[in-house]
């Protein structure tokens, strides 16, 4: 099942989600492949930011997003 949605529809409420980004050659960093990152919308920078605080702007152009998958639950130990 493909749940990727256009980046224009990504939530801008600070919640985390996955973004799919196409490489952008900045002259400083060159990405070889399209990539998937955990990200969120940062209202202050008005940009999609990687979890952990790195800014996506000059390096990755996000084109699609999808919700994060449900985290696994740990079975209780007997």
C-alpha atoms as a PDB file:
ATOM      1  CA  UNK A   1       0.000   0.000   0.000  1.00  0.00           C
ATOM      2  CA  UNK A   2       1.416   3.384  -0.983  1.00  0.00           C
ATOM      3  CA  UNK A   3       0.463   6.135   1.469  1.00  0.00           C
ATOM      4  CA  UNK A   4       2.767   8.845   0.086  1.00  0.00           C
ATOM      5  CA  UNK A   5       0.944  12.154  -0.271  1.00  0.00           C
ATOM      6  CA  UNK A   6       1.997  15.431  -1.933  1.00  0.00           C
ATOM      7  CA  UNK A   7       4.183  17.559   0.357  1.00  0.00           C
ATOM      8  CA  UNK A   8       1.688  20.424   0.060  1.00  0.00           C
ATOM      9  CA  UNK A   9      -0.724  18.391   2.212  1.00  0.00           C
ATOM     10  CA  UNK A  10       1.811  17.668   5.020  1.00  0.00           C
ATOM     11  CA  UNK A  11       0.755  18.689   8.534  1.00  0.00           C
ATOM     12  CA  UNK A  12       2.160  21.971   9.789  1.00  0.00           C
ATOM     13  CA  UNK A  13       1.239  21.455  13.445  1.00  0.00           C
ATOM     14  CA  UNK A  14       4.675  20.301  14.670  1.00  0.00           C
ATOM     15  CA  UNK A  15       3.844  16.590  14.456  1.00  0.00           C
ATOM     16  CA  UNK A  16       6.431  14.164  13.057  1.00  0.00           C
ATOM     17  CA  UNK A  17       6.041  12.299   9.773  1.00  0.00           C
ATOM     18  CA  UNK A  18       8.158  10.767   7.010  1.00  0.00           C
ATOM     19  CA  UNK A  19       9.299  12.883   4.074  1.00  0.00           C
ATOM     20  CA  UNK A  20      10.640  11.690   0.745  1.00  0.00           C
ATOM     21  CA  UNK A  21      13.215  14.067  -0.641  1.00  0.00           C
ATOM     22  CA  UNK A  22      14.996  14.525  -3.921  1.00  0.00           C
ATOM     23  CA  UNK A  23      18.672  15.508  -3.778  1.00  0.00           C
ATOM     24  CA  UNK A  24      19.641  19.085  -4.469  1.00  0.00           C
ATOM     25  CA  UNK A  25      23.235  19.870  -5.425  1.00  0.00           C
ATOM     26  CA  UNK A  26      24.400  22.770  -3.252  1.00  0.00           C
ATOM     27  CA  UNK A  27      28.057  22.544  -4.196  1.00  0.00           C
ATOM     28  CA  UNK A  28      28.806  21.574  -0.585  1.00  0.00           C
ATOM     29  CA  UNK A  29      26.818  18.379  -0.156  1.00  0.00           C
ATOM     30  CA  UNK A  30      25.824  15.989  -2.918  1.00  0.00           C
ATOM     31  CA  UNK A  31      23.297  13.251  -2.283  1.00  0.00           C
ATOM     32  CA  UNK A  32      23.412  10.289  -4.623  1.00  0.00           C
ATOM     33  CA  UNK A  33      19.918   8.893  -4.036  1.00  0.00           C
ATOM     34  CA  UNK A  34      16.479  10.082  -3.082  1.00  0.00           C
ATOM     35  CA  UNK A  35      15.984   9.557   0.643  1.00  0.00           C
ATOM     36  CA  UNK A  36      13.348   9.151   3.364  1.00  0.00           C
ATOM     37  CA  UNK A  37      13.608  11.082   6.638  1.00  0.00           C
ATOM     38  CA  UNK A  38      11.609  11.626   9.802  1.00  0.00           C
ATOM     39  CA  UNK A  39      10.717  15.312   9.783  1.00  0.00           C
ATOM     40  CA  UNK A  40       8.326  17.990  11.022  1.00  0.00           C
ATOM     41  CA  UNK A  41       7.250  21.501   9.988  1.00  0.00           C
ATOM     42  CA  UNK A  42       9.167  24.189  11.854  1.00  0.00           C
ATOM     43  CA  UNK A  43       7.014  27.324  12.112  1.00  0.00           C
ATOM     44  CA  UNK A  44       9.945  29.556  13.045  1.00  0.00           C
ATOM     45  CA  UNK A  45      12.001  28.632   9.953  1.00  0.00           C
ATOM     46  CA  UNK A  46       8.919  27.941   7.818  1.00  0.00           C
ATOM     47  CA  UNK A  47      10.631  24.795   6.567  1.00  0.00           C
ATOM     48  CA  UNK A  48      10.526  21.016   6.881  1.00  0.00           C
ATOM     49  CA  UNK A  49      13.204  20.004   9.384  1.00  0.00           C
ATOM     50  CA  UNK A  50      14.776  16.650  10.074  1.00  0.00           C
ATOM     51  CA  UNK A  51      14.129  15.170  13.492  1.00  0.00           C
ATOM     52  CA  UNK A  52      17.102  16.227  15.577  1.00  0.00           C
ATOM     53  CA  UNK A  53      17.100  19.790  14.310  1.00  0.00           C
ATOM     54  CA  UNK A  54      18.803  19.693  10.891  1.00  0.00           C
ATOM     55  CA  UNK A  55      17.221  21.916   8.269  1.00  0.00           C
ATOM     56  CA  UNK A  56      16.147  20.199   5.034  1.00  0.00           C
ATOM     57  CA  UNK A  57      16.012  23.350   2.932  1.00  0.00           C
ATOM     58  CA  UNK A  58      19.301  23.574   1.053  1.00  0.00           C
ATOM     59  CA  UNK A  59      19.969  19.844   0.859  1.00  0.00           C
ATOM     60  CA  UNK A  60      16.719  17.952   0.243  1.00  0.00           C
ATOM     61  CA  UNK A  61      13.654  19.115  -1.630  1.00  0.00           C
ATOM     62  CA  UNK A  62      10.788  17.169  -0.014  1.00  0.00           C
ATOM     63  CA  UNK A  63       8.179  16.099  -2.543  1.00  0.00           C
ATOM     64  CA  UNK A  64       5.991  13.655  -0.565  1.00  0.00           C
ATOM     65  CA  UNK A  65       5.107  12.734   2.995  1.00  0.00           C
ATOM     66  CA  UNK A  66       3.369   9.967   4.944  1.00  0.00           C
ATOM     67  CA  UNK A  67       2.422   9.386   8.581  1.00  0.00           C
ATOM     68  CA  UNK A  68       4.921   7.589  10.781  1.00  0.00           C
ATOM     69  CA  UNK A  69       4.153   3.886  11.211  1.00  0.00           C
ATOM     70  CA  UNK A  70       2.788   2.714  14.542  1.00  0.00           C
ATOM     71  CA  UNK A  71       5.606   1.976  16.968  1.00  0.00           C
ATOM     72  CA  UNK A  72       6.025  -1.661  17.969  1.00  0.00           C
ATOM     73  CA  UNK A  73       4.780  -2.627  21.383  1.00  0.00           C
ATOM     74  CA  UNK A  74       6.832  -4.730  23.735  1.00  0.00           C
ATOM     75  CA  UNK A  75       5.225  -7.909  24.971  1.00  0.00           C
ATOM     76  CA  UNK A  76       5.041  -8.072  28.771  1.00  0.00           C
ATOM     77  CA  UNK A  77       7.594 -10.484  30.263  1.00  0.00           C
ATOM     78  CA  UNK A  78       6.144 -13.416  32.221  1.00  0.00           C
END
